[in-house]
C-alpha cells in the first residue's frame, strides 16, 4: 500500500486557500515537512514545489489576495505570507552547472527532475496536498524507515555539486541517521573534505552551529574527527570535551546550546576563541560569549557570584564546562547592587577616585556575603567610612 501523508497542519484553512490559488496539480509539499511528518516530529517549516514559474505564482497569489515576497526569485522561490506562518513556494528546477559553492539552475517541468537535484533520499519526498499520496523516486521511504541517510545517486557527485553537503550529511546523520552509517557517504566525505576550505567561513560556521545545537551531536562530531573532516573546519577541536559537556547538560537538565558546545570543543584560550568566532563570522554577542566561556579556569567560584559578574548565561556556560553544579541559579534572579556613587558623596566623601574605590569595596563585600539587603550594605559602607 502506498504511503499517505496525514497531519493536523495539512488541515489549515490558510494552506487550503494557498493550494487552491496555485491550482489543482500545481503544488506538492516537499522536504522537511513531509519527512518530519512521517517520522512523527513536529513540523516547523512548510515548503511547496510547483511547476509554475515565479511570475505565475505571484500573479495567482495576488488574484487570491495572498501577500507574497520574492525571497529567492532568482532561484525560483516566492514566500507566501499566511496567518499560520510563511510558506516557501519554489518552482521545479534542475541544475545547469555547479562549482561546489553555488549552482546555476533552470526551471523544470518534471517533479522527478527536481527531486534528483536534492541532497539526500529522505529529503526528496513529495506529497500531494489533496490525497496525501507520497511520491518517492529514490528509496527515501525505505531509508526513513531504516533511519538510513544516503545521498541521492553518486555521493561524490552530490558533494562536488555543493561542498557544504559534507557538513549537512553529518548534521542529518546526527538527527536522523543510525549506525552503522552509509559507507559510501562516509568515504565520499573523507575523500572530499578538503573542498570545505573553498566555502565561506560563515556558511561553515552556521552549519556547525546547526549540528552542535542538536540533542546529542557528540558521537557524530567524534566520527567527523575520525574521518578527517573535523580538522578541516575546526582543527582546534577536542571531541571528548564535547561529550563531557553534553553529559553535564543532560545530568543537570539544561537545554542544549550550540555556542556553549562550540566552547567545549575549544581549549580554554580566549584569544583562540576570538579567532574562531571571527573565522565563523559569529555575531558580536556570540563572540563575546564564546570568549567569556574560554576564560574558564579550574574550579569556578560561587555560582551566584559568577552569575552576578558574567550574567546568567555566561555563568551557566562556565559552570557546565567545568562540571560544576548550576542548581544555585534555579529560580534566582540576579540582584541589583543597592548603592550608587551619589549615596557615598552624600555621606561626605568628595567626588573623585575615592568614591569609585569605596563603591568597589562595598560591592565586593556584598557579593562575598551573598547579596544581603540594603540595610546591610549601609552597615558595610559605614564601617568603611569610619
Protein backbone atom coordinates (compact mmCIF):
# COMPACT_ATOMS: atom_id res chain seq x y z
CA UNK A 1 0.00 0.00 0.00
CA UNK A 2 1.36 3.46 -0.93
CA UNK A 3 2.40 5.80 1.88
CA UNK A 4 -0.13 8.55 2.62
CA UNK A 5 0.72 11.73 4.49
CA UNK A 6 -1.74 12.83 7.14
CA UNK A 7 -1.22 15.58 9.71
CA UNK A 8 -3.11 18.33 11.52
CA UNK A 9 -1.07 21.04 9.82
CA UNK A 10 -2.37 19.86 6.44
CA UNK A 11 -5.88 20.88 7.52
CA UNK A 12 -5.01 24.57 7.94
CA UNK A 13 -7.52 26.84 6.18
CA UNK A 14 -4.81 29.24 5.02
CA UNK A 15 -2.88 26.37 3.41
CA UNK A 16 -6.02 25.18 1.67
CA UNK A 17 -6.53 28.68 0.28
CA UNK A 18 -2.92 28.76 -0.92
CA UNK A 19 -3.19 25.38 -2.65
CA UNK A 20 -6.45 26.48 -4.28
CA UNK A 21 -4.80 29.67 -5.51
CA UNK A 22 -1.99 27.70 -7.17
CA UNK A 23 -4.48 25.39 -8.86
CA UNK A 24 -5.09 21.65 -8.94
CA UNK A 25 -1.98 19.61 -9.60
CA UNK A 26 0.33 22.62 -9.29
CA UNK A 27 1.56 22.09 -5.72
CA UNK A 28 3.17 19.37 -3.65
CA UNK A 29 4.58 19.52 -0.15
CA UNK A 30 8.27 18.67 -0.19
CA UNK A 31 11.30 18.09 2.00
CA UNK A 32 11.32 18.54 5.75
CA UNK A 33 7.57 18.87 6.25
CA UNK A 34 7.00 15.51 4.57
CA UNK A 35 9.98 13.82 6.20
CA UNK A 36 9.24 15.04 9.72
CA UNK A 37 5.53 14.25 9.50
CA UNK A 38 6.35 10.67 8.51
CA UNK A 39 8.71 10.47 11.50
CA UNK A 40 6.13 11.89 13.91
CA UNK A 41 8.23 15.02 14.50
CA UNK A 42 6.69 18.48 14.85
CA UNK A 43 6.87 20.38 11.56
CA UNK A 44 8.46 23.82 11.73
CA UNK A 45 8.63 24.92 8.09
CA UNK A 46 6.40 24.08 5.16
CA UNK A 47 7.79 24.12 1.64
CA UNK A 48 5.86 23.68 -1.59
CA UNK A 49 7.21 22.72 -5.00
CA UNK A 50 5.37 23.78 -8.15
CA UNK A 51 5.79 23.58 -11.92
CA UNK A 52 4.54 27.18 -12.15
CA UNK A 53 7.21 29.82 -12.81
CA UNK A 54 7.63 32.52 -10.13
CA UNK A 55 5.78 35.23 -12.07
CA UNK A 56 2.77 32.96 -12.43
CA UNK A 57 2.91 32.07 -8.73
CA UNK A 58 2.90 35.75 -7.79
CA UNK A 59 0.02 36.53 -10.15
CA UNK A 60 -2.09 33.69 -8.76
CA UNK A 61 -1.40 34.69 -5.16
CA UNK A 62 -2.25 38.31 -5.93
CA UNK A 63 -5.53 37.19 -7.51
CA UNK A 64 -6.34 35.28 -4.31
CA UNK A 65 -5.30 38.29 -2.18
CA UNK A 66 -2.45 36.34 -0.61
CA UNK A 67 0.58 38.51 0.08
CA UNK A 68 3.87 37.24 -1.31
CA UNK A 69 7.54 38.19 -1.06
CA UNK A 70 10.11 37.29 -3.78
CA UNK A 71 12.61 35.97 -1.23
CA UNK A 72 14.68 33.96 -3.70
CA UNK A 73 13.24 34.88 -7.04
CA UNK A 74 16.48 34.20 -8.92
CA UNK A 75 16.29 30.60 -7.73
CA UNK A 76 12.55 30.33 -8.22
CA UNK A 77 11.37 30.90 -4.63
CA UNK A 78 8.41 33.02 -3.61
CA UNK A 79 7.26 33.20 0.02
CA UNK A 80 3.54 33.31 0.74
CA UNK A 81 2.74 35.22 3.93
CA UNK A 82 -0.04 33.29 5.65
CA UNK A 83 -1.73 33.73 9.06
CA UNK A 84 -0.31 30.38 10.16
CA UNK A 85 3.23 31.28 9.10
CA UNK A 86 5.20 31.82 5.88
CA UNK A 87 5.34 29.11 3.23
CA UNK A 88 8.08 28.95 0.60
CA UNK A 89 6.94 28.06 -2.91
CA UNK A 90 9.72 27.05 -5.30
CA UNK A 91 9.49 26.30 -8.99
CA UNK A 92 10.73 22.86 -10.06
CA UNK A 93 14.41 23.10 -11.03
CA UNK A 94 17.32 21.18 -12.45
CA UNK A 95 21.00 22.11 -12.25
CA UNK A 96 22.66 23.58 -15.31
CA UNK A 97 26.09 23.94 -13.72
CA UNK A 98 27.64 23.80 -10.26
CA UNK A 99 31.05 24.66 -8.81
CA UNK A 100 30.69 23.33 -5.27
CA UNK A 101 29.68 26.70 -3.87
CA UNK A 102 26.74 27.81 -5.98
CA UNK A 103 24.55 26.36 -8.69
CA UNK A 104 23.10 27.74 -11.88
CA UNK A 105 19.61 26.34 -12.23
CA UNK A 106 16.93 26.22 -14.90
CA UNK A 107 13.24 25.74 -14.29
CA UNK A 108 11.92 22.25 -14.91
CA UNK A 109 8.52 20.74 -15.58
CA UNK A 110 9.06 17.21 -14.22
CA UNK A 111 8.80 16.50 -10.50
CA UNK A 112 11.48 13.81 -10.68
CA UNK A 113 13.99 16.25 -12.19
CA UNK A 114 13.51 18.48 -9.18
CA UNK A 115 13.88 15.53 -6.79
CA UNK A 116 17.07 14.37 -8.50
CA UNK A 117 18.95 17.58 -7.65
CA UNK A 118 18.31 17.30 -3.90
CA UNK A 119 20.90 16.02 -1.45
CA UNK A 120 19.51 13.01 0.46
CA UNK A 121 16.84 10.48 -0.34
CA UNK A 122 14.85 11.35 2.79
CA UNK A 123 14.69 14.99 1.64
CA UNK A 124 13.34 14.11 -1.81
CA UNK A 125 9.85 13.06 -0.71
CA UNK A 126 6.86 14.92 -2.14
CA UNK A 127 3.22 14.76 -1.03
CA UNK A 128 0.02 15.68 -2.82
CA UNK A 129 -1.96 18.16 -0.66
CA UNK A 130 -5.33 16.73 -1.68
CA UNK A 131 -4.77 12.98 -1.35
CA UNK A 132 -1.68 12.90 0.87
CA UNK A 133 -0.05 10.46 -1.58
CA UNK A 134 3.73 10.44 -1.15
CA UNK A 135 5.98 10.39 -4.21
CA UNK A 136 9.39 8.74 -3.79
CA UNK A 137 11.76 8.15 -6.69
CA UNK A 138 14.96 7.29 -4.81
CA UNK A 139 14.05 4.96 -1.94
CA UNK A 140 13.61 7.71 0.62
CA UNK A 141 10.71 5.99 2.40
CA UNK A 142 12.72 2.81 2.96
CA UNK A 143 15.71 4.87 4.14
CA UNK A 144 13.48 6.84 6.50
CA UNK A 145 12.07 3.62 7.95
CA UNK A 146 15.59 2.26 8.48
CA UNK A 147 16.93 5.62 9.73
CA UNK A 148 19.47 5.38 6.94
CA UNK A 149 20.97 8.55 5.47
CA UNK A 150 22.04 8.25 1.83
CA UNK A 151 22.94 10.71 -0.86
CA UNK A 152 20.80 10.60 -3.99
CA UNK A 153 22.80 8.81 -6.67
CA UNK A 154 26.58 9.09 -6.51
CA UNK A 155 27.67 10.60 -3.19
CA UNK A 156 30.84 12.16 -4.60
CA UNK A 157 28.92 13.83 -7.40
CA UNK A 158 26.39 15.26 -4.95
CA UNK A 159 29.24 16.69 -2.84
CA UNK A 160 31.07 18.12 -5.86
CA UNK A 161 27.87 20.00 -6.70
CA UNK A 162 27.75 21.58 -3.23
CA UNK A 163 30.65 21.09 -0.83
CA UNK A 164 28.53 22.13 2.15
CA UNK A 165 26.69 18.82 1.75
CA UNK A 166 29.54 17.21 3.68
CA UNK A 167 28.57 19.11 6.82
CA UNK A 168 24.88 18.69 6.05
CA UNK A 169 25.46 14.95 5.87
CA UNK A 170 26.82 14.86 9.41
CA UNK A 171 24.07 17.13 10.72
CA UNK A 172 21.36 14.94 9.21
CA UNK A 173 23.19 11.82 10.36
CA UNK A 174 23.17 13.16 13.93
CA UNK A 175 19.48 13.98 13.70
CA UNK A 176 18.02 11.12 11.67
CA UNK A 177 20.68 8.51 10.98
CA UNK A 178 21.62 5.28 12.68
CA UNK A 179 24.76 3.19 12.94
CA UNK A 180 26.46 1.79 11.05
CA UNK A 181 26.40 4.79 8.73
CA UNK A 182 26.38 4.56 4.95
CA UNK A 183 29.95 3.60 3.95
CA UNK A 184 29.75 5.26 0.54
CA UNK A 185 28.66 8.55 2.10
CA UNK A 186 31.38 8.49 4.76
CA UNK A 187 34.06 7.59 2.23
CA UNK A 188 32.99 10.45 -0.05
CA UNK A 189 33.03 12.91 2.85
CA UNK A 190 36.58 11.90 3.77
CA UNK A 191 37.87 12.00 0.20
CA UNK A 192 36.38 15.43 -0.48
CA UNK A 193 36.82 17.01 2.97
CA UNK A 194 39.43 19.45 1.67
CA UNK A 195 36.79 21.05 -0.57
CA UNK A 196 35.26 22.61 2.54
CA UNK A 197 38.16 25.07 2.55
CA UNK A 198 36.65 26.74 -0.52
CA UNK A 199 33.39 27.63 1.24
CA UNK A 200 32.68 30.89 3.03
CA UNK A 201 33.54 30.61 6.71
CA UNK A 202 30.10 32.00 7.55
CA UNK A 203 28.35 29.09 5.83
CA UNK A 204 30.63 26.60 7.56
CA UNK A 205 30.07 28.26 10.94
CA UNK A 206 26.30 28.27 10.52
CA UNK A 207 26.25 24.60 9.60
CA UNK A 208 28.47 23.68 12.54
CA UNK A 209 26.22 25.57 14.95
CA UNK A 210 23.18 23.81 13.50
CA UNK A 211 24.88 20.49 14.17
CA UNK A 212 26.03 21.43 17.67
CA UNK A 213 22.52 22.54 18.64
CA UNK A 214 21.08 19.04 18.19
CA UNK A 215 20.25 16.94 21.28
CA UNK A 216 23.47 14.89 21.21
CA UNK A 217 25.95 15.70 18.44
CA UNK A 218 28.97 14.29 20.32
CA UNK A 219 29.14 10.86 18.61
CA UNK A 220 28.79 12.49 15.20
CA UNK A 221 31.46 15.10 15.92
CA UNK A 222 33.75 12.30 17.10
CA UNK A 223 33.07 10.49 13.83
CA UNK A 224 33.87 13.67 11.88
CA UNK A 225 37.24 13.71 13.62
CA UNK A 226 37.89 10.05 12.79
CA UNK A 227 37.02 10.65 9.13
CA UNK A 228 39.39 13.66 8.89
CA UNK A 229 36.54 16.11 8.28
CA UNK A 230 36.54 17.98 11.59
CA UNK A 231 40.23 19.04 11.36
CA UNK A 232 39.45 20.83 8.08
CA UNK A 233 36.83 23.13 9.61
CA UNK A 234 37.90 23.21 13.26
CA UNK A 235 41.43 21.87 13.76
CA UNK A 236 41.46 23.03 17.40
CA UNK A 237 38.54 20.78 18.36
CA UNK A 238 38.56 18.18 21.14
CA UNK A 239 35.50 15.92 20.64
CA UNK A 240 35.93 14.27 24.04
CA UNK A 241 35.30 17.58 25.80
CA UNK A 242 32.04 17.97 23.90
CA UNK A 243 30.82 14.58 25.09
CA UNK A 244 31.54 15.60 28.69
CA UNK A 245 29.53 18.81 28.32
CA UNK A 246 26.56 17.04 26.71
CA UNK A 247 26.55 14.64 29.66
CA UNK A 248 26.59 17.56 32.12
CA UNK A 249 23.71 19.31 30.34
CA UNK A 250 21.64 16.13 30.44
CA UNK A 251 22.50 15.44 34.08
CA UNK A 252 21.57 18.97 35.21
CA UNK A 253 18.53 19.37 32.95
CA UNK A 254 20.00 22.23 30.92
CA UNK A 255 18.84 22.71 27.33
CA UNK A 256 21.38 22.14 24.53
CA UNK A 257 23.19 25.24 23.36
CA UNK A 258 25.37 25.47 20.24
CA UNK A 259 27.70 28.27 21.38
CA UNK A 260 28.39 26.55 24.71
CA UNK A 261 29.15 23.35 22.85
CA UNK A 262 31.46 25.14 20.45
CA UNK A 263 33.25 26.48 23.52
CA UNK A 264 33.60 22.92 24.82
CA UNK A 265 35.35 21.87 21.62
CA UNK A 266 37.93 24.63 22.07
CA UNK A 267 40.76 24.96 24.62
CA UNK A 268 40.32 27.46 27.47
CA UNK A 269 42.05 30.20 25.49
CA UNK A 270 40.16 33.50 24.98
CA UNK A 271 42.47 34.63 22.17
CA UNK A 272 41.84 31.43 20.24
CA UNK A 273 38.09 31.71 20.90
CA UNK A 274 38.14 35.18 19.34
CA UNK A 275 39.89 33.83 16.26
CA UNK A 276 37.37 31.02 15.85
CA UNK A 277 34.47 33.45 16.33
CA UNK A 278 35.91 35.68 13.60
CA UNK A 279 36.57 32.69 11.35
CA UNK A 280 32.95 31.53 11.66
CA UNK A 281 31.64 35.10 11.34
CA UNK A 282 29.76 34.88 14.63
CA UNK A 283 27.73 37.84 15.84
CA UNK A 284 29.19 40.23 18.39
CA UNK A 285 27.11 38.70 21.18
CA UNK A 286 28.14 35.16 20.20
CA UNK A 287 31.81 36.16 20.02
CA UNK A 288 31.66 37.76 23.47
CA UNK A 289 30.00 34.70 24.95
CA UNK A 290 32.46 32.27 23.35
CA UNK A 291 35.38 34.33 24.65
CA UNK A 292 33.91 34.51 28.16
CA UNK A 293 33.49 30.74 28.19
CA UNK A 294 37.09 30.32 27.08
CA UNK A 295 38.20 32.24 30.18
CA UNK A 296 37.20 29.34 32.41
CA UNK A 297 39.71 28.01 34.90
CA UNK A 298 39.71 25.03 37.22
CA UNK A 299 37.14 25.34 39.99
CA UNK A 300 34.72 28.19 39.42
CA UNK A 301 33.70 30.49 42.32
CA UNK A 302 30.26 30.58 43.90
CA UNK A 303 27.63 30.12 41.18
CA UNK A 304 25.64 33.24 42.12
CA UNK A 305 28.75 35.39 42.38
CA UNK A 306 29.75 34.16 38.94
CA UNK A 307 26.31 34.96 37.53
CA UNK A 308 26.46 38.46 39.01
CA UNK A 309 29.80 39.03 37.30
CA UNK A 310 29.18 37.32 33.95
CA UNK A 311 25.41 37.19 33.65
CA UNK A 312 23.27 34.04 33.95
CA UNK A 313 24.18 32.71 30.51
CA UNK A 314 27.90 33.24 30.99
CA UNK A 315 27.78 31.63 34.42
CA UNK A 316 25.89 28.59 33.14
CA UNK A 317 28.49 28.16 30.40
CA UNK A 318 31.43 28.30 32.80
CA UNK A 319 29.81 26.04 35.38
CA UNK A 320 28.75 23.37 32.92
CA UNK A 321 32.07 23.43 31.08
CA UNK A 322 33.92 22.80 34.35
CA UNK A 323 31.45 20.21 35.62
CA UNK A 324 30.16 22.42 38.45
CA UNK A 325 26.62 22.40 39.81
CA UNK A 326 24.21 25.04 38.46
CA UNK A 327 21.43 24.40 40.96
CA UNK A 328 22.02 27.63 42.88
CA UNK A 329 20.86 29.61 39.84
CA UNK A 330 17.50 27.84 39.56
CA UNK A 331 14.73 30.38 40.22
CA UNK A 332 17.26 33.01 41.32
CA UNK A 333 17.20 36.49 39.82
CA UNK A 334 20.45 38.42 39.68
CA UNK A 335 20.04 41.34 42.13
CA UNK A 336 20.92 44.97 41.53
CA UNK A 337 23.63 46.45 43.75
CA UNK A 338 21.71 48.82 46.07
CA UNK A 339 24.38 51.53 46.32
CA UNK A 340 25.39 54.32 43.96
CA UNK A 341 28.21 56.81 43.88
CA UNK A 342 25.82 59.59 44.83
CA UNK A 343 25.00 57.78 48.09
CA UNK A 344 28.68 57.82 49.02
CA UNK A 345 29.07 61.52 48.14
CA UNK A 346 26.02 62.23 50.31
CA UNK A 347 27.95 60.70 53.22
CA UNK A 348 30.65 63.35 52.91
CA UNK A 349 33.12 61.73 50.52
CA UNK A 350 34.41 64.16 47.88
CA UNK A 351 33.63 63.23 44.28
CA UNK A 352 36.58 61.51 42.66
CA UNK A 353 38.52 58.24 42.63
CA UNK A 354 37.79 57.58 46.33
CA UNK A 355 34.09 57.18 45.53
CA UNK A 356 34.79 54.53 42.90
CA UNK A 357 37.19 52.70 45.21
CA UNK A 358 34.71 52.63 48.07
CA UNK A 359 31.92 51.55 45.75
CA UNK A 360 34.00 48.61 44.50
CA UNK A 361 34.98 47.61 48.02
CA UNK A 362 31.39 47.62 49.29
CA UNK A 363 30.23 45.72 46.22
CA UNK A 364 32.90 43.05 46.74
CA UNK A 365 31.79 42.58 50.36
CA UNK A 366 28.15 42.48 49.28
CA UNK A 367 28.85 39.69 46.80
CA UNK A 368 31.00 37.77 49.30
CA UNK A 369 28.15 37.92 51.82
CA UNK A 370 25.71 36.52 49.23
CA UNK A 371 23.90 39.73 48.33
CA UNK A 372 22.40 40.91 51.66
CA UNK A 373 19.73 43.64 51.79
CA UNK A 374 20.21 47.40 51.55
CA UNK A 375 20.43 47.79 55.31
CA UNK A 376 23.47 45.53 55.45
CA UNK A 377 25.04 47.47 52.57
CA UNK A 378 24.62 50.68 54.58
CA UNK A 379 26.34 49.00 57.53
CA UNK A 380 29.25 47.88 55.36
CA UNK A 381 29.58 51.42 54.00
CA UNK A 382 29.51 52.90 57.49
CA UNK A 383 32.25 50.52 58.62
CA UNK A 384 34.44 51.63 55.73
CA UNK A 385 33.83 55.33 56.29
CA UNK A 386 34.65 55.15 60.00
